[in-house]
Amino acid sequence: MIIKVISAVLIFIIILGVWIYFVEPNTIRIENISIEIKNLPSSFKGARIAHLSDIHSRSFGEKEKEILEKLNQLKPDFVFITGDFVEWTTKDLNSCRDFWKELSKNYPQRIFGVLGNHEHRHLKFKTIKKLLEESGIEILENESIKIEKDGEFIYLIGLDDPHGKYDDIEKATTGLEDETSKILIAHSPEIFRKLKGKNIDLVLVGHTHGGQINVPFITDLFIPLKYDKKYKRGLFKEDSTYLYINRGIGLTFIPFRFNSFPEIANITLK
């Protein structure tokens, strides 16, 4: 009896190990979300945004190839990437640049990003910024731009990493028209408490990896937030502002995922 129990436990541990190391971290899910935005210009109704986050690339590998395949299937109008393009220890930046070029090739002037804490920690921070921009991905650093569709526009606000306190919401939003629709992208949900009264319609962030390891009573240990740990993953709404926290695609600290599949969010504006 004891031998059977031990055998069953060992089999369970092996299956669990295969799942959290090989299966779940390498299974990118598409999350389809519809968001209703007030005063949305008619040309943006039905527009689709592919929201990616926390890719943590080390090179142009299988994970990156799958991202390209998923985007080719989705054919979004815009692509927004909310930081941690690379791991802070990534060495092969030229290979990453090749991936970024492929990523942006189909979205000229329609792919935008912000920087995360791993970019800021990297010893070649300035090189990463330069390579991203040269690849065709427009990096927003505490600034706002107009994104246009059929002669109409909405504001896209991009903030530098809030987790490292590089954000400047006042600088980014000064002079914006109150009644115009606004989408804000930043790396971490730690920005959300700073947005009261800013008339932001939709906030897209990542950083949390959805908890990465979701086990009751243990999950919070893997949420890298200084506060507001309730913003772990998924869609929230406070007052008139939506917040979506992307589970990200890559891994950090430990090479496992459990009950937190990698994702690309396919967001339709209503």
Protein backbone atom coordinates (compact mmCIF):
# COMPACT_ATOMS: atom_id res chain seq x y z
CA MET A 1 0.00 0.00 0.00
CA ILE A 2 2.78 2.42 0.95
CA ILE A 3 4.65 1.63 -2.27
CA LYS A 4 1.53 2.39 -4.30
CA VAL A 5 1.04 5.70 -2.54
CA ILE A 6 4.69 6.67 -3.07
CA SER A 7 4.46 5.66 -6.74
CA ALA A 8 1.29 7.72 -7.21
CA VAL A 9 2.93 10.75 -5.58
CA LEU A 10 6.03 10.41 -7.76
CA ILE A 11 3.91 10.14 -10.91
CA PHE A 12 1.94 13.22 -9.85
CA ILE A 13 5.15 15.18 -9.23
CA ILE A 14 6.55 14.18 -12.63
CA ILE A 15 3.32 15.14 -14.45
CA LEU A 16 3.14 18.43 -12.56
CA GLY A 17 6.79 19.17 -13.34
CA VAL A 18 6.26 18.53 -17.05
CA TRP A 19 3.17 20.75 -17.01
CA ILE A 20 4.64 23.77 -15.21
CA TYR A 21 8.01 23.64 -17.01
CA PHE A 22 7.25 22.45 -20.55
CA VAL A 23 3.52 22.78 -21.26
CA GLU A 24 1.99 25.85 -19.65
CA PRO A 25 4.90 28.30 -20.16
CA ASN A 26 4.91 27.43 -23.88
CA THR A 27 1.16 27.65 -24.54
CA ILE A 28 0.22 31.20 -25.54
CA ARG A 29 -3.49 31.85 -25.22
CA ILE A 30 -5.48 34.53 -26.99
CA GLU A 31 -7.75 36.42 -24.60
CA ASN A 32 -10.62 38.14 -26.44
CA ILE A 33 -11.90 41.24 -24.65
CA SER A 34 -14.37 43.96 -25.64
CA ILE A 35 -14.06 47.40 -24.05
CA GLU A 36 -16.67 50.14 -24.33
CA ILE A 37 -15.10 53.60 -24.54
CA LYS A 38 -17.06 56.83 -24.33
CA ASN A 39 -16.80 59.30 -27.21
CA LEU A 40 -15.01 56.71 -29.34
CA PRO A 41 -14.70 58.02 -32.92
CA SER A 42 -16.78 56.03 -35.38
CA SER A 43 -13.73 54.87 -37.34
CA PHE A 44 -12.35 53.22 -34.18
CA LYS A 45 -15.51 51.26 -33.42
CA GLY A 46 -14.55 47.62 -33.84
CA ALA A 47 -10.83 48.47 -34.00
CA ARG A 48 -8.68 45.71 -32.54
CA ILE A 49 -5.58 46.06 -30.40
CA ALA A 50 -3.12 43.24 -29.77
CA HIS A 51 -1.73 43.82 -26.30
CA LEU A 52 1.53 42.03 -25.48
CA SER A 53 3.64 42.31 -22.37
CA ASP A 54 6.69 40.86 -20.60
CA ILE A 55 8.11 38.93 -23.54
CA HIS A 56 11.48 38.65 -21.77
CA SER A 57 13.29 37.69 -24.96
CA ARG A 58 16.80 36.29 -24.80
CA SER A 59 17.00 35.78 -28.57
CA PHE A 60 14.79 35.26 -31.64
CA GLY A 61 13.62 31.81 -30.55
CA GLU A 62 10.57 29.55 -30.74
CA LYS A 63 8.56 31.74 -28.37
CA GLU A 64 9.13 34.76 -30.56
CA LYS A 65 8.19 32.81 -33.70
CA GLU A 66 4.91 31.77 -32.07
CA ILE A 67 4.15 35.41 -31.22
CA LEU A 68 4.54 36.32 -34.90
CA GLU A 69 2.28 33.43 -35.94
CA LYS A 70 -0.42 34.46 -33.46
CA LEU A 71 -0.34 38.06 -34.64
CA ASN A 72 -0.56 36.97 -38.27
CA GLN A 73 -3.73 35.09 -37.34
CA LEU A 74 -5.23 38.01 -35.40
CA LYS A 75 -4.37 40.79 -37.88
CA PRO A 76 -4.93 43.61 -35.33
CA ASP A 77 -5.20 47.27 -36.24
CA PHE A 78 -2.62 48.24 -33.61
CA VAL A 79 -0.04 46.48 -31.44
CA PHE A 80 0.78 47.78 -27.95
CA ILE A 81 3.63 46.26 -25.90
CA THR A 82 3.81 47.14 -22.22
CA GLY A 83 7.44 46.64 -21.31
CA ASP A 84 10.04 43.98 -20.50
CA PHE A 85 10.88 43.25 -24.11
CA VAL A 86 14.02 41.55 -22.83
CA GLU A 87 15.37 39.90 -19.71
CA TRP A 88 17.78 42.13 -17.77
CA THR A 89 20.52 39.53 -18.43
CA THR A 90 19.84 39.17 -22.19
CA LYS A 91 23.09 39.17 -24.18
CA ASP A 92 22.05 38.57 -27.80
CA LEU A 93 20.44 41.93 -28.49
CA ASN A 94 21.10 41.67 -32.23
CA SER A 95 18.95 38.54 -32.39
CA CYS A 96 16.24 40.37 -30.40
CA ARG A 97 16.46 43.25 -32.87
CA ASP A 98 15.77 40.80 -35.72
CA PHE A 99 12.64 39.70 -33.89
CA TRP A 100 11.52 43.29 -33.32
CA LYS A 101 11.98 44.03 -37.01
CA GLU A 102 9.76 41.08 -37.93
CA LEU A 103 7.27 42.12 -35.28
CA SER A 104 6.94 45.65 -36.60
CA LYS A 105 7.14 44.82 -40.31
CA ASN A 106 3.39 44.37 -40.76
CA TYR A 107 2.44 47.35 -38.55
CA PRO A 108 4.21 50.45 -39.87
CA GLN A 109 3.39 53.37 -37.55
CA ARG A 110 0.92 51.10 -35.75
CA ILE A 111 3.13 49.39 -33.15
CA PHE A 112 3.92 51.18 -29.89
CA GLY A 113 5.59 50.27 -26.65
CA VAL A 114 6.82 51.44 -23.27
CA LEU A 115 9.81 50.34 -21.24
CA GLY A 116 9.77 48.04 -18.24
CA ASN A 117 11.95 47.40 -15.23
CA HIS A 118 14.08 44.81 -17.05
CA GLU A 119 15.07 47.32 -19.72
CA HIS A 120 16.04 49.80 -17.03
CA ARG A 121 18.09 47.17 -15.16
CA HIS A 122 19.97 46.12 -18.29
CA LEU A 123 23.55 47.33 -18.62
CA LYS A 124 22.85 48.22 -22.27
CA PHE A 125 19.68 50.18 -21.62
CA LYS A 126 20.46 52.89 -24.19
CA THR A 127 21.31 50.29 -26.82
CA ILE A 128 17.99 48.51 -26.27
CA LYS A 129 16.06 51.76 -26.73
CA LYS A 130 17.99 52.52 -29.90
CA LEU A 131 17.47 49.05 -31.37
CA LEU A 132 13.74 49.11 -30.58
CA GLU A 133 13.26 52.44 -32.32
CA GLU A 134 15.38 51.38 -35.30
CA SER A 135 13.25 48.26 -35.59
CA GLY A 136 10.11 50.32 -36.16
CA ILE A 137 8.58 50.08 -32.66
CA GLU A 138 7.77 53.56 -31.37
CA ILE A 139 8.71 53.79 -27.70
CA LEU A 140 6.73 56.33 -25.69
CA GLU A 141 8.43 57.83 -22.65
CA ASN A 142 6.04 59.98 -20.63
CA GLU A 143 4.39 61.41 -23.70
CA SER A 144 1.14 61.37 -25.64
CA ILE A 145 0.53 60.96 -29.34
CA LYS A 146 -2.49 60.88 -31.60
CA ILE A 147 -3.17 57.58 -33.31
CA GLU A 148 -5.30 57.98 -36.39
CA LYS A 149 -7.75 55.89 -38.34
CA ASP A 150 -9.67 57.17 -41.37
CA GLY A 151 -9.03 60.80 -40.48
CA GLU A 152 -10.12 60.50 -36.82
CA PHE A 153 -7.91 60.08 -33.77
CA ILE A 154 -7.66 59.04 -30.15
CA TYR A 155 -4.85 59.75 -27.70
CA LEU A 156 -2.30 57.10 -26.81
CA ILE A 157 -0.43 57.95 -23.60
CA GLY A 158 2.79 56.07 -22.91
CA LEU A 159 4.47 56.16 -19.49
CA ASP A 160 7.93 55.05 -18.53
CA ASP A 161 8.15 52.24 -15.96
CA PRO A 162 6.06 53.03 -12.83
CA HIS A 163 7.62 50.15 -10.89
CA GLY A 164 10.96 51.96 -11.00
CA LYS A 165 9.29 55.36 -10.53
CA TYR A 166 10.26 56.61 -13.98
CA ASP A 167 6.68 57.63 -14.81
CA ASP A 168 5.50 61.23 -15.15
CA ILE A 169 1.75 61.34 -15.69
CA GLU A 170 1.55 65.14 -15.53
CA LYS A 171 4.08 65.58 -18.31
CA ALA A 172 2.36 62.97 -20.46
CA THR A 173 -1.17 64.36 -20.16
CA THR A 174 -0.66 68.12 -20.18
CA GLY A 175 -2.71 69.81 -22.90
CA LEU A 176 -4.88 66.85 -23.88
CA GLU A 177 -8.51 67.48 -24.78
CA ASP A 178 -10.80 66.15 -22.05
CA GLU A 179 -13.49 64.80 -24.36
CA THR A 180 -11.16 62.85 -26.64
CA SER A 181 -10.84 59.10 -26.01
CA LYS A 182 -7.63 58.12 -24.23
CA ILE A 183 -5.73 54.86 -23.90
CA LEU A 184 -2.75 54.66 -21.57
CA ILE A 185 0.01 52.05 -21.69
CA ALA A 186 2.52 51.49 -18.89
CA HIS A 187 4.46 48.55 -17.54
CA SER A 188 2.94 48.07 -14.11
CA PRO A 189 -0.53 48.40 -12.52
CA GLU A 190 1.19 50.47 -9.84
CA ILE A 191 0.34 53.42 -12.10
CA PHE A 192 -3.40 52.98 -11.65
CA ARG A 193 -3.80 54.84 -8.35
CA LYS A 194 -2.17 57.93 -9.92
CA LEU A 195 -4.78 58.30 -12.67
CA LYS A 196 -7.78 59.63 -10.76
CA GLY A 197 -9.21 62.70 -12.47
CA LYS A 198 -7.20 62.18 -15.66
CA ASN A 199 -10.18 61.00 -17.76
CA ILE A 200 -8.37 57.92 -19.03
CA ASP A 201 -10.69 55.40 -20.69
CA LEU A 202 -8.47 52.31 -20.84
CA VAL A 203 -5.19 51.42 -19.12
CA LEU A 204 -3.09 48.51 -20.39
CA VAL A 205 -0.29 47.10 -18.23
CA GLY A 206 1.62 43.89 -17.48
CA HIS A 207 4.50 43.20 -15.07
CA THR A 208 2.69 40.76 -12.76
CA HIS A 209 2.81 37.69 -15.04
CA GLY A 210 -0.64 36.98 -13.63
CA GLY A 211 1.07 35.74 -10.48
CA GLN A 212 2.98 33.18 -12.60
CA ILE A 213 2.51 30.50 -9.92
CA ASN A 214 -1.10 30.48 -8.77
CA VAL A 215 -1.48 28.28 -5.72
CA PRO A 216 -3.82 29.28 -2.86
CA PHE A 217 -2.02 31.18 -0.08
CA ILE A 218 1.24 31.20 -2.06
CA THR A 219 0.35 33.27 -5.15
CA ASP A 220 1.00 36.69 -3.60
CA LEU A 221 4.65 35.77 -3.09
CA PHE A 222 5.11 35.92 -6.87
CA ILE A 223 3.35 39.24 -7.53
CA PRO A 224 6.11 41.85 -7.93
CA LEU A 225 4.04 44.85 -6.82
CA LYS A 226 4.85 47.20 -3.99
CA TYR A 227 1.13 47.80 -3.36
CA ASP A 228 -2.32 47.12 -4.90
CA LYS A 229 -1.67 43.39 -5.26
CA LYS A 230 -5.33 42.87 -6.10
CA TYR A 231 -4.40 43.98 -9.62
CA LYS A 232 -2.88 40.64 -10.46
CA ARG A 233 -4.44 39.89 -13.85
CA GLY A 234 -7.51 40.48 -15.97
CA LEU A 235 -10.02 43.29 -16.33
CA PHE A 236 -10.99 45.84 -13.68
CA LYS A 237 -13.13 48.97 -13.79
CA GLU A 238 -13.03 51.87 -11.37
CA ASP A 239 -15.21 54.90 -11.99
CA SER A 240 -15.11 55.24 -15.80
CA THR A 241 -11.63 53.78 -16.30
CA TYR A 242 -10.90 50.22 -17.38
CA LEU A 243 -7.66 48.51 -16.36
CA TYR A 244 -6.40 45.37 -18.08
CA ILE A 245 -3.45 43.48 -16.61
CA ASN A 246 -1.83 41.17 -19.13
CA ARG A 247 -0.33 37.88 -17.85
CA GLY A 248 2.64 38.40 -20.16
CA ILE A 249 4.42 35.88 -22.31
CA GLY A 250 7.85 35.26 -20.79
CA LEU A 251 9.12 34.09 -17.43
CA THR A 252 11.16 35.72 -14.71
CA PHE A 253 12.95 34.51 -11.56
CA ILE A 254 11.73 30.91 -11.93
CA PRO A 255 11.12 29.00 -15.20
CA PHE A 256 7.61 27.83 -14.28
CA ARG A 257 3.99 28.80 -14.79
CA PHE A 258 0.96 27.31 -13.05
CA ASN A 259 -2.61 28.46 -13.65
CA SER A 260 -1.28 31.54 -15.44
CA PHE A 261 -0.92 30.82 -19.16
CA PRO A 262 1.05 33.27 -21.32
CA GLU A 263 -1.27 35.50 -23.29
CA ILE A 264 -1.84 37.94 -26.09
CA ALA A 265 -4.88 40.11 -25.38
CA ASN A 266 -7.07 40.73 -28.42
CA ILE A 267 -8.97 43.88 -27.43
CA THR A 268 -11.91 45.15 -29.48
CA LEU A 269 -12.99 48.75 -28.92
CA LYS A 270 -16.73 49.41 -28.73
